Amino acid sequence: MNLTSPSNVFYLPAPIMIPATPPPPPTRWSVLRARAFCGWQRFRLTVREVAMVIRRAGRRLEDDYPRWLDVAPAAAPVPRFARPARVLDFESARARRRPSPS
């Protein structure tokens, strides 16, 4: 068994791990600012959801969509063959694909 077969896979040497200094701990103000921002975003989303429910004012959820979306008739199902073709006629398929001589 030949273990030295040519290959296009190359292994790079692992980097030398130098211990990095830990990042400084976050300040109180940066933590407070991040928590305030997250709280503000949650409050905004909650107000939007409550306003949407109030604006709906007791209507059913499906009434929020326009009526014209339901007007289009459902497409008729495409008939499927009961089983796959047993004989593939490539010559007639090529003849159908050729442009007509007219």
PDB file of N, CA and C in Angstrom:
ATOM      1  N   MET A   1       0.847  -1.174   0.000  1.00  0.00           N
ATOM      2  CA  MET A   1       0.000   0.000   0.000  1.00  0.00           C
ATOM      3  C   MET A   1       0.890   1.234   0.000  1.00  0.00           C
ATOM      4  N   ASN A   2       0.649   2.120  -0.954  1.00  0.00           N
ATOM      5  CA  ASN A   2       1.482   3.304  -1.104  1.00  0.00           C
ATOM      6  C   ASN A   2       0.819   4.478  -0.384  1.00  0.00           C
ATOM      7  N   LEU A   3       1.447   4.959   0.681  1.00  0.00           N
ATOM      8  CA  LEU A   3       0.870   6.070   1.437  1.00  0.00           C
ATOM      9  C   LEU A   3       1.342   7.417   0.921  1.00  0.00           C
ATOM     10  N   THR A   4       2.266   7.444  -0.020  1.00  0.00           N
ATOM     11  CA  THR A   4       2.786   8.710  -0.532  1.00  0.00           C
ATOM     12  C   THR A   4       2.229   9.012  -1.917  1.00  0.00           C
ATOM     13  N   SER A   5       0.961   8.714  -2.141  1.00  0.00           N
ATOM     14  CA  SER A   5       0.358   8.988  -3.441  1.00  0.00           C
ATOM     15  C   SER A   5       0.160  10.486  -3.605  1.00  0.00           C
ATOM     16  N   PRO A   6       0.284  10.971  -4.845  1.00  0.00           N
ATOM     17  CA  PRO A   6       0.105  12.412  -5.060  1.00  0.00           C
ATOM     18  C   PRO A   6      -1.338  12.831  -4.748  1.00  0.00           C
ATOM     19  N   SER A   7      -1.469  13.994  -4.174  1.00  0.00           N
ATOM     20  CA  SER A   7      -2.784  14.477  -3.779  1.00  0.00           C
ATOM     21  C   SER A   7      -2.810  15.987  -3.912  1.00  0.00           C
ATOM     22  N   ASN A   8      -3.986  16.539  -4.057  1.00  0.00           N
ATOM     23  CA  ASN A   8      -4.117  17.992  -4.113  1.00  0.00           C
ATOM     24  C   ASN A   8      -4.545  18.563  -2.771  1.00  0.00           C
ATOM     25  N   VAL A   9      -4.407  17.790  -1.706  1.00  0.00           N
ATOM     26  CA  VAL A   9      -4.748  18.250  -0.367  1.00  0.00           C
ATOM     27  C   VAL A   9      -3.453  18.592   0.347  1.00  0.00           C
ATOM     28  N   PHE A  10      -3.367  19.816   0.841  1.00  0.00           N
ATOM     29  CA  PHE A  10      -2.171  20.263   1.538  1.00  0.00           C
ATOM     30  C   PHE A  10      -2.555  20.641   2.961  1.00  0.00           C
ATOM     31  N   TYR A  11      -1.723  20.290   3.896  1.00  0.00           N
ATOM     32  CA  TYR A  11      -1.952  20.614   5.291  1.00  0.00           C
ATOM     33  C   TYR A  11      -1.041  21.756   5.690  1.00  0.00           C
ATOM     34  N   LEU A  12      -1.630  22.810   6.230  1.00  0.00           N
ATOM     35  CA  LEU A  12      -0.848  23.944   6.699  1.00  0.00           C
ATOM     36  C   LEU A  12      -0.433  23.696   8.142  1.00  0.00           C
ATOM     37  N   PRO A  13       0.713  24.202   8.527  1.00  0.00           N
ATOM     38  CA  PRO A  13       1.131  23.995   9.907  1.00  0.00           C
ATOM     39  C   PRO A  13       0.205  24.763  10.856  1.00  0.00           C
ATOM     40  N   ALA A  14       0.006  24.210  12.015  1.00  0.00           N
ATOM     41  CA  ALA A  14      -0.861  24.853  12.997  1.00  0.00           C
ATOM     42  C   ALA A  14      -0.183  26.121  13.511  1.00  0.00           C
ATOM     43  N   PRO A  15      -0.955  27.180  13.711  1.00  0.00           N
ATOM     44  CA  PRO A  15      -0.343  28.416  14.219  1.00  0.00           C
ATOM     45  C   PRO A  15       0.130  28.226  15.655  1.00  0.00           C
ATOM     46  N   ILE A  16       1.170  28.929  15.983  1.00  0.00           N
ATOM     47  CA  ILE A  16       1.688  28.863  17.346  1.00  0.00           C
ATOM     48  C   ILE A  16       0.742  29.659  18.240  1.00  0.00           C
ATOM     49  N   MET A  17       0.266  29.003  19.269  1.00  0.00           N
ATOM     50  CA  MET A  17      -0.720  29.641  20.147  1.00  0.00           C
ATOM     51  C   MET A  17      -0.004  30.547  21.146  1.00  0.00           C
ATOM     52  N   ILE A  18      -0.240  31.837  20.994  1.00  0.00           N
ATOM     53  CA  ILE A  18       0.309  32.809  21.932  1.00  0.00           C
ATOM     54  C   ILE A  18      -0.827  33.200  22.859  1.00  0.00           C
ATOM     55  N   PRO A  19      -0.634  33.062  24.158  1.00  0.00           N
ATOM     56  CA  PRO A  19      -1.729  33.428  25.063  1.00  0.00           C
ATOM     57  C   PRO A  19      -2.042  34.916  24.948  1.00  0.00           C
ATOM     58  N   ALA A  20      -3.276  35.206  24.575  1.00  0.00           N
ATOM     59  CA  ALA A  20      -3.712  36.594  24.424  1.00  0.00           C
ATOM     60  C   ALA A  20      -4.163  37.128  25.775  1.00  0.00           C
ATOM     61  N   THR A  21      -4.030  38.410  25.926  1.00  0.00           N
ATOM     62  CA  THR A  21      -4.513  39.018  27.166  1.00  0.00           C
ATOM     63  C   THR A  21      -6.030  39.050  27.118  1.00  0.00           C
ATOM     64  N   PRO A  22      -6.681  38.750  28.204  1.00  0.00           N
ATOM     65  CA  PRO A  22      -8.145  38.763  28.184  1.00  0.00           C
ATOM     66  C   PRO A  22      -8.657  40.181  27.951  1.00  0.00           C
ATOM     67  N   PRO A  23      -9.807  40.285  27.272  1.00  0.00           N
ATOM     68  CA  PRO A  23     -10.351  41.620  27.026  1.00  0.00           C
ATOM     69  C   PRO A  23     -10.749  42.269  28.346  1.00  0.00           C
ATOM     70  N   PRO A  24     -10.698  43.583  28.383  1.00  0.00           N
ATOM     71  CA  PRO A  24     -11.073  44.261  29.632  1.00  0.00           C
ATOM     72  C   PRO A  24     -12.550  44.038  29.926  1.00  0.00           C
ATOM     73  N   PRO A  25     -12.929  43.969  31.173  1.00  0.00           N
ATOM     74  CA  PRO A  25     -14.345  43.768  31.492  1.00  0.00           C
ATOM     75  C   PRO A  25     -15.171  44.966  31.035  1.00  0.00           C
ATOM     76  N   PRO A  26     -16.415  44.725  30.636  1.00  0.00           N
ATOM     77  CA  PRO A  26     -17.242  45.845  30.170  1.00  0.00           C
ATOM     78  C   PRO A  26     -17.529  46.809  31.313  1.00  0.00           C
ATOM     79  N   THR A  27     -17.627  48.066  30.948  1.00  0.00           N
ATOM     80  CA  THR A  27     -17.918  49.075  31.961  1.00  0.00           C
ATOM     81  C   THR A  27     -19.399  49.038  32.319  1.00  0.00           C
ATOM     82  N   ARG A  28     -19.730  49.642  33.433  1.00  0.00           N
ATOM     83  CA  ARG A  28     -21.131  49.683  33.856  1.00  0.00           C
ATOM     84  C   ARG A  28     -21.994  50.411  32.839  1.00  0.00           C
ATOM     85  N   TRP A  29     -21.464  51.489  32.263  1.00  0.00           N
ATOM     86  CA  TRP A  29     -22.248  52.277  31.322  1.00  0.00           C
ATOM     87  C   TRP A  29     -22.490  51.512  30.020  1.00  0.00           C
ATOM     88  N   SER A  30     -21.511  50.752  29.570  1.00  0.00           N
ATOM     89  CA  SER A  30     -21.729  50.005  28.328  1.00  0.00           C
ATOM     90  C   SER A  30     -22.764  48.891  28.545  1.00  0.00           C
ATOM     91  N   VAL A  31     -22.748  48.255  29.721  1.00  0.00           N
ATOM     92  CA  VAL A  31     -23.745  47.237  30.029  1.00  0.00           C
ATOM     93  C   VAL A  31     -25.127  47.870  30.132  1.00  0.00           C
ATOM     94  N   LEU A  32     -25.212  49.015  30.817  1.00  0.00           N
ATOM     95  CA  LEU A  32     -26.495  49.705  30.970  1.00  0.00           C
ATOM     96  C   LEU A  32     -27.036  50.146  29.613  1.00  0.00           C
ATOM     97  N   ARG A  33     -26.136  50.657  28.746  1.00  0.00           N
ATOM     98  CA  ARG A  33     -26.568  51.108  27.426  1.00  0.00           C
ATOM     99  C   ARG A  33     -27.075  49.930  26.587  1.00  0.00           C
ATOM    100  N   ALA A  34     -26.397  48.791  26.635  1.00  0.00           N
ATOM    101  CA  ALA A  34     -26.828  47.618  25.868  1.00  0.00           C
ATOM    102  C   ALA A  34     -28.166  47.091  26.381  1.00  0.00           C
ATOM    103  N   ARG A  35     -28.341  47.036  27.690  1.00  0.00           N
ATOM    104  CA  ARG A  35     -29.612  46.562  28.248  1.00  0.00           C
ATOM    105  C   ARG A  35     -30.748  47.525  27.923  1.00  0.00           C
ATOM    106  N   ALA A  36     -30.473  48.830  27.955  1.00  0.00           N
ATOM    107  CA  ALA A  36     -31.504  49.812  27.619  1.00  0.00           C
ATOM    108  C   ALA A  36     -31.901  49.696  26.154  1.00  0.00           C
ATOM    109  N   PHE A  37     -30.918  49.484  25.288  1.00  0.00           N
ATOM    110  CA  PHE A  37     -31.220  49.350  23.858  1.00  0.00           C
ATOM    111  C   PHE A  37     -32.082  48.114  23.603  1.00  0.00           C
ATOM    112  N   CYS A  38     -31.736  46.968  24.214  1.00  0.00           N
ATOM    113  CA  CYS A  38     -32.525  45.752  24.031  1.00  0.00           C
ATOM    114  C   CYS A  38     -33.940  45.935  24.572  1.00  0.00           C
ATOM    115  N   GLY A  39     -34.055  46.584  25.719  1.00  0.00           N
ATOM    116  CA  GLY A  39     -35.378  46.840  26.287  1.00  0.00           C
ATOM    117  C   GLY A  39     -36.212  47.746  25.401  1.00  0.00           C
ATOM    118  N   TRP A  40     -35.574  48.768  24.825  1.00  0.00           N
ATOM    119  CA  TRP A  40     -36.287  49.680  23.929  1.00  0.00           C
ATOM    120  C   TRP A  40     -36.789  48.945  22.683  1.00  0.00           C
ATOM    121  N   GLN A  41     -35.983  48.076  22.127  1.00  0.00           N
ATOM    122  CA  GLN A  41     -36.407  47.328  20.947  1.00  0.00           C
ATOM    123  C   GLN A  41     -37.576  46.401  21.280  1.00  0.00           C
ATOM    124  N   ARG A  42     -37.523  45.735  22.412  1.00  0.00           N
ATOM    125  CA  ARG A  42     -38.649  44.881  22.815  1.00  0.00           C
ATOM    126  C   ARG A  42     -39.914  45.703  23.020  1.00  0.00           C
ATOM    127  N   PHE A  43     -39.781  46.869  23.623  1.00  0.00           N
ATOM    128  CA  PHE A  43     -40.937  47.741  23.854  1.00  0.00           C
ATOM    129  C   PHE A  43     -41.553  48.174  22.516  1.00  0.00           C
ATOM    130  N   ARG A  44     -40.705  48.543  21.548  1.00  0.00           N
ATOM    131  CA  ARG A  44     -41.210  48.959  20.236  1.00  0.00           C
ATOM    132  C   ARG A  44     -42.001  47.837  19.561  1.00  0.00           C
ATOM    133  N   LEU A  45     -41.451  46.612  19.583  1.00  0.00           N
ATOM    134  CA  LEU A  45     -42.148  45.494  18.961  1.00  0.00           C
ATOM    135  C   LEU A  45     -43.467  45.189  19.666  1.00  0.00           C
ATOM    136  N   THR A  46     -43.471  45.289  20.989  1.00  0.00           N
ATOM    137  CA  THR A  46     -44.701  45.022  21.738  1.00  0.00           C
ATOM    138  C   THR A  46     -45.771  46.054  21.395  1.00  0.00           C
ATOM    139  N   VAL A  47     -45.384  47.318  21.314  1.00  0.00           N
ATOM    140  CA  VAL A  47     -46.349  48.369  20.972  1.00  0.00           C
ATOM    141  C   VAL A  47     -46.902  48.148  19.569  1.00  0.00           C
ATOM    142  N   ARG A  48     -46.059  47.741  18.632  1.00  0.00           N
ATOM    143  CA  ARG A  48     -46.545  47.474  17.270  1.00  0.00           C
ATOM    144  C   ARG A  48     -47.540  46.321  17.246  1.00  0.00           C
ATOM    145  N   GLU A  49     -47.245  45.250  17.977  1.00  0.00           N
ATOM    146  CA  GLU A  49     -48.162  44.114  17.986  1.00  0.00           C
ATOM    147  C   GLU A  49     -49.491  44.464  18.641  1.00  0.00           C
ATOM    148  N   VAL A  50     -49.444  45.218  19.740  1.00  0.00           N
ATOM    149  CA  VAL A  50     -50.687  45.622  20.407  1.00  0.00           C
ATOM    150  C   VAL A  50     -51.494  46.542  19.497  1.00  0.00           C
ATOM    151  N   ALA A  51     -50.821  47.455  18.807  1.00  0.00           N
ATOM    152  CA  ALA A  51     -51.528  48.356  17.891  1.00  0.00           C
ATOM    153  C   ALA A  51     -52.163  47.583  16.748  1.00  0.00           C
ATOM    154  N   MET A  52     -51.491  46.548  16.265  1.00  0.00           N
ATOM    155  CA  MET A  52     -52.067  45.748  15.187  1.00  0.00           C
ATOM    156  C   MET A  52     -53.322  45.016  15.663  1.00  0.00           C
ATOM    157  N   VAL A  53     -53.295  44.491  16.881  1.00  0.00           N
ATOM    158  CA  VAL A  53     -54.464  43.791  17.410  1.00  0.00           C
ATOM    159  C   VAL A  53     -55.604  44.774  17.627  1.00  0.00           C
ATOM    160  N   ILE A  54     -55.317  45.944  18.155  1.00  0.00           N
ATOM    161  CA  ILE A  54     -56.369  46.950  18.390  1.00  0.00           C
ATOM    162  C   ILE A  54     -56.948  47.421  17.063  1.00  0.00           C
ATOM    163  N   ARG A  55     -56.104  47.639  16.071  1.00  0.00           N
ATOM    164  CA  ARG A  55     -56.568  48.098  14.773  1.00  0.00           C
ATOM    165  C   ARG A  55     -57.478  47.064  14.121  1.00  0.00           C
ATOM    166  N   ARG A  56     -57.221  45.799  14.396  1.00  0.00           N
ATOM    167  CA  ARG A  56     -58.066  44.739  13.847  1.00  0.00           C
ATOM    168  C   ARG A  56     -59.456  44.780  14.470  1.00  0.00           C
ATOM    169  N   ALA A  57     -59.543  45.162  15.715  1.00  0.00           N
ATOM    170  CA  ALA A  57     -60.805  45.439  16.427  1.00  0.00           C
ATOM    171  C   ALA A  57     -61.815  44.305  16.317  1.00  0.00           C
ATOM    172  N   GLY A  58     -61.451  43.105  16.676  1.00  0.00           N
ATOM    173  CA  GLY A  58     -62.397  42.012  16.740  1.00  0.00           C
ATOM    174  C   GLY A  58     -62.622  41.265  15.455  1.00  0.00           C
ATOM    175  N   ARG A  59     -62.059  41.757  14.361  1.00  0.00           N
ATOM    176  CA  ARG A  59     -62.217  41.009  13.108  1.00  0.00           C
ATOM    177  C   ARG A  59     -61.416  39.724  13.187  1.00  0.00           C
ATOM    178  N   ARG A  60     -61.852  38.751  12.422  1.00  0.00           N
ATOM    179  CA  ARG A  60     -61.088  37.509  12.378  1.00  0.00           C
ATOM    180  C   ARG A  60     -59.779  37.753  11.659  1.00  0.00           C
ATOM    181  N   LEU A  61     -58.810  36.908  11.916  1.00  0.00           N
ATOM    182  CA  LEU A  61     -57.483  37.085  11.337  1.00  0.00           C
ATOM    183  C   LEU A  61     -57.504  36.955   9.823  1.00  0.00           C
ATOM    184  N   GLU A  62     -58.348  36.074   9.279  1.00  0.00           N
ATOM    185  CA  GLU A  62     -58.367  35.905   7.830  1.00  0.00           C
ATOM    186  C   GLU A  62     -58.995  37.090   7.119  1.00  0.00           C
ATOM    187  N   ASP A  63     -59.684  37.988   7.846  1.00  0.00           N
ATOM    188  CA  ASP A  63     -60.249  39.178   7.223  1.00  0.00           C
ATOM    189  C   ASP A  63     -59.194  40.232   6.934  1.00  0.00           C
ATOM    190  N   ASP A  64     -57.979  40.050   7.449  1.00  0.00           N
ATOM    191  CA  ASP A  64     -56.929  41.028   7.205  1.00  0.00           C
ATOM    192  C   ASP A  64     -56.381  40.953   5.783  1.00  0.00           C
ATOM    193  N   TYR A  65     -56.650  39.871   5.079  1.00  0.00           N
ATOM    194  CA  TYR A  65     -56.126  39.711   3.735  1.00  0.00           C
ATOM    195  C   TYR A  65     -57.154  40.190   2.723  1.00  0.00           C
ATOM    196  N   PRO A  66     -56.705  40.741   1.602  1.00  0.00           N
ATOM    197  CA  PRO A  66     -57.650  41.237   0.597  1.00  0.00           C
ATOM    198  C   PRO A  66     -58.496  40.106   0.020  1.00  0.00           C
ATOM    199  N   ARG A  67     -59.709  40.451  -0.344  1.00  0.00           N
ATOM    200  CA  ARG A  67     -60.632  39.454  -0.892  1.00  0.00           C
ATOM    201  C   ARG A  67     -60.187  38.957  -2.261  1.00  0.00           C
ATOM    202  N   TRP A  68     -59.487  39.789  -3.029  1.00  0.00           N
ATOM    203  CA  TRP A  68     -59.142  39.381  -4.387  1.00  0.00           C
ATOM    204  C   TRP A  68     -58.140  38.235  -4.398  1.00  0.00           C
ATOM    205  N   LEU A  69     -57.484  37.965  -3.276  1.00  0.00           N
ATOM    206  CA  LEU A  69     -56.568  36.828  -3.234  1.00  0.00           C
ATOM    207  C   LEU A  69     -57.328  35.509  -3.299  1.00  0.00           C
ATOM    208  N   ASP A  70     -58.564  35.492  -2.797  1.00  0.00           N
ATOM    209  CA  ASP A  70     -59.351  34.270  -2.775  1.00  0.00           C
ATOM    210  C   ASP A  70     -60.206  34.091  -4.029  1.00  0.00           C
ATOM    211  N   VAL A  71     -60.261  35.084  -4.915  1.00  0.00           N
ATOM    212  CA  VAL A  71     -61.159  35.040  -6.064  1.00  0.00           C
ATOM    213  C   VAL A  71     -60.625  34.098  -7.132  1.00  0.00           C
ATOM    214  N   ALA A  72     -59.328  33.993  -7.286  1.00  0.00           N
ATOM    215  CA  ALA A  72     -58.760  33.173  -8.366  1.00  0.00           C
ATOM    216  C   ALA A  72     -59.146  31.710  -8.162  1.00  0.00           C
ATOM    217  N   PRO A  73     -59.665  31.082  -9.207  1.00  0.00           N
ATOM    218  CA  PRO A  73     -60.041  29.673  -9.057  1.00  0.00           C
ATOM    219  C   PRO A  73     -58.795  28.804  -8.908  1.00  0.00           C
ATOM    220  N   ALA A  74     -58.962  27.731  -8.216  1.00  0.00           N
ATOM    221  CA  ALA A  74     -57.850  26.807  -8.039  1.00  0.00           C
ATOM    222  C   ALA A  74     -57.532  26.135  -9.364  1.00  0.00           C
ATOM    223  N   ALA A  75     -56.264  25.951  -9.635  1.00  0.00           N
ATOM    224  CA  ALA A  75     -55.842  25.326 -10.886  1.00  0.00           C
ATOM    225  C   ALA A  75     -56.250  23.859 -10.883  1.00  0.00           C
ATOM    226  N   ALA A  76     -56.696  23.390 -12.049  1.00  0.00           N
ATOM    227  CA  ALA A  76     -57.085  21.988 -12.171  1.00  0.00           C
ATOM    228  C   ALA A  76     -55.846  21.118 -12.002  1.00  0.00           C
ATOM    229  N   PRO A  77     -55.979  19.997 -11.345  1.00  0.00           N
ATOM    230  CA  PRO A  77     -54.808  19.140 -11.160  1.00  0.00           C
ATOM    231  C   PRO A  77     -54.315  18.599 -12.495  1.00  0.00           C
ATOM    232  N   VAL A  78     -53.013  18.504 -12.619  1.00  0.00           N
ATOM    233  CA  VAL A  78     -52.406  18.004 -13.846  1.00  0.00           C
ATOM    234  C   VAL A  78     -52.531  16.490 -13.858  1.00  0.00           C
ATOM    235  N   PRO A  79     -53.095  15.925 -14.932  1.00  0.00           N
ATOM    236  CA  PRO A  79     -53.227  14.459 -14.953  1.00  0.00           C
ATOM    237  C   PRO A  79     -51.851  13.803 -14.998  1.00  0.00           C
ATOM    238  N   ARG A  80     -51.691  12.762 -14.251  1.00  0.00           N
ATOM    239  CA  ARG A  80     -50.431  12.027 -14.194  1.00  0.00           C
ATOM    240  C   ARG A  80     -50.618  10.668 -14.864  1.00  0.00           C
ATOM    241  N   PHE A  81     -49.564  10.178 -15.420  1.00  0.00           N
ATOM    242  CA  PHE A  81     -49.621   8.858 -16.030  1.00  0.00           C
ATOM    243  C   PHE A  81     -49.647   7.809 -14.925  1.00  0.00           C
ATOM    244  N   ALA A  82     -50.311   6.704 -15.213  1.00  0.00           N
ATOM    245  CA  ALA A  82     -50.428   5.646 -14.222  1.00  0.00           C
ATOM    246  C   ALA A  82     -49.085   4.972 -13.979  1.00  0.00           C
ATOM    247  N   ARG A  83     -48.254   4.890 -14.994  1.00  0.00           N
ATOM    248  CA  ARG A  83     -46.939   4.264 -14.835  1.00  0.00           C
ATOM    249  C   ARG A  83     -45.986   4.912 -15.833  1.00  0.00           C
ATOM    250  N   PRO A  84     -44.695   4.778 -15.634  1.00  0.00           N
ATOM    251  CA  PRO A  84     -43.740   5.393 -16.559  1.00  0.00           C
ATOM    252  C   PRO A  84     -43.764   4.706 -17.921  1.00  0.00           C
ATOM    253  N   ALA A  85     -43.294   5.400 -18.924  1.00  0.00           N
ATOM    254  CA  ALA A  85     -43.266   4.841 -20.276  1.00  0.00           C
ATOM    255  C   ALA A  85     -42.320   3.653 -20.318  1.00  0.00           C
ATOM    256  N   ARG A  86     -42.711   2.653 -21.072  1.00  0.00           N
ATOM    257  CA  ARG A  86     -41.879   1.451 -21.171  1.00  0.00           C
ATOM    258  C   ARG A  86     -40.877   1.572 -22.314  1.00  0.00           C
ATOM    259  N   VAL A  87     -41.229   2.289 -23.389  1.00  0.00           N
ATOM    260  CA  VAL A  87     -40.352   2.409 -24.545  1.00  0.00           C
ATOM    261  C   VAL A  87     -40.071   3.889 -24.753  1.00  0.00           C
ATOM    262  N   LEU A  88     -38.807   4.232 -24.829  1.00  0.00           N
ATOM    263  CA  LEU A  88     -38.417   5.606 -25.101  1.00  0.00           C
ATOM    264  C   LEU A  88     -38.100   5.723 -26.584  1.00  0.00           C
ATOM    265  N   ASP A  89     -38.861   6.545 -27.283  1.00  0.00           N
ATOM    266  CA  ASP A  89     -38.684   6.716 -28.713  1.00  0.00           C
ATOM    267  C   ASP A  89     -37.918   8.010 -28.948  1.00  0.00           C
ATOM    268  N   PHE A  90     -36.588   7.897 -29.014  1.00  0.00           N
ATOM    269  CA  PHE A  90     -35.755   9.089 -29.159  1.00  0.00           C
ATOM    270  C   PHE A  90     -35.891   9.709 -30.540  1.00  0.00           C
ATOM    271  N   GLU A  91     -36.128   8.906 -31.543  1.00  0.00           N
ATOM    272  CA  GLU A  91     -36.208   9.434 -32.901  1.00  0.00           C
ATOM    273  C   GLU A  91     -37.418  10.352 -33.062  1.00  0.00           C
ATOM    274  N   SER A  92     -38.575   9.948 -32.547  1.00  0.00           N
ATOM    275  CA  SER A  92     -39.755  10.817 -32.666  1.00  0.00           C
ATOM    276  C   SER A  92     -39.604  12.044 -31.765  1.00  0.00           C
ATOM    277  N   ALA A  93     -38.908  11.911 -30.652  1.00  0.00           N
ATOM    278  CA  ALA A  93     -38.684  13.077 -29.797  1.00  0.00           C
ATOM    279  C   ALA A  93     -37.793  14.087 -30.500  1.00  0.00           C
ATOM    280  N   ARG A  94     -36.763  13.608 -31.195  1.00  0.00           N
ATOM    281  CA  ARG A  94     -35.901  14.523 -31.950  1.00  0.00           C
ATOM    282  C   ARG A  94     -36.682  15.191 -33.073  1.00  0.00           C
ATOM    283  N   ALA A  95     -37.568  14.447 -33.709  1.00  0.00           N
ATOM    284  CA  ALA A  95     -38.366  15.028 -34.796  1.00  0.00           C
ATOM    285  C   ALA A  95     -39.294  16.113 -34.256  1.00  0.00           C
ATOM    286  N   ARG A  96     -39.827  15.930 -33.074  1.00  0.00           N
ATOM    287  CA  ARG A  96     -40.691  16.960 -32.483  1.00  0.00           C
ATOM    288  C   ARG A  96     -39.898  18.196 -32.113  1.00  0.00           C
ATOM    289  N   ARG A  97     -38.639  18.029 -31.744  1.00  0.00           N
ATOM    290  CA  ARG A  97     -37.827  19.172 -31.319  1.00  0.00           C
ATOM    291  C   ARG A  97     -37.299  19.992 -32.488  1.00  0.00           C
ATOM    292  N   ARG A  98     -37.223  19.388 -33.684  1.00  0.00           N
ATOM    293  CA  ARG A  98     -36.718  20.106 -34.843  1.00  0.00           C
ATOM    294  C   ARG A  98     -37.733  21.162 -35.273  1.00  0.00           C
ATOM    295  N   PRO A  99     -37.231  22.310 -35.742  1.00  0.00           N
ATOM    296  CA  PRO A  99     -38.184  23.329 -36.240  1.00  0.00           C
ATOM    297  C   PRO A  99     -38.877  22.832 -37.507  1.00  0.00           C
ATOM    298  N   SER A 100     -40.110  23.263 -37.674  1.00  0.00           N
ATOM    299  CA  SER A 100     -40.875  22.823 -38.842  1.00  0.00           C
ATOM    300  C   SER A 100     -40.307  23.487 -40.109  1.00  0.00           C
ATOM    301  N   PRO A 101     -40.340  22.792 -41.233  1.00  0.00           N
ATOM    302  CA  PRO A 101     -39.751  23.336 -42.477  1.00  0.00           C
ATOM    303  C   PRO A 101     -40.530  24.494 -43.076  1.00  0.00           C
ATOM    304  N   SER A 102     -41.665  24.852 -42.557  1.00  0.00           N
ATOM    305  CA  SER A 102     -42.457  25.932 -43.157  1.00  0.00           C
ATOM    306  C   SER A 102     -41.887  27.246 -42.807  1.00  0.00           C
TER     307      SER A 102
END
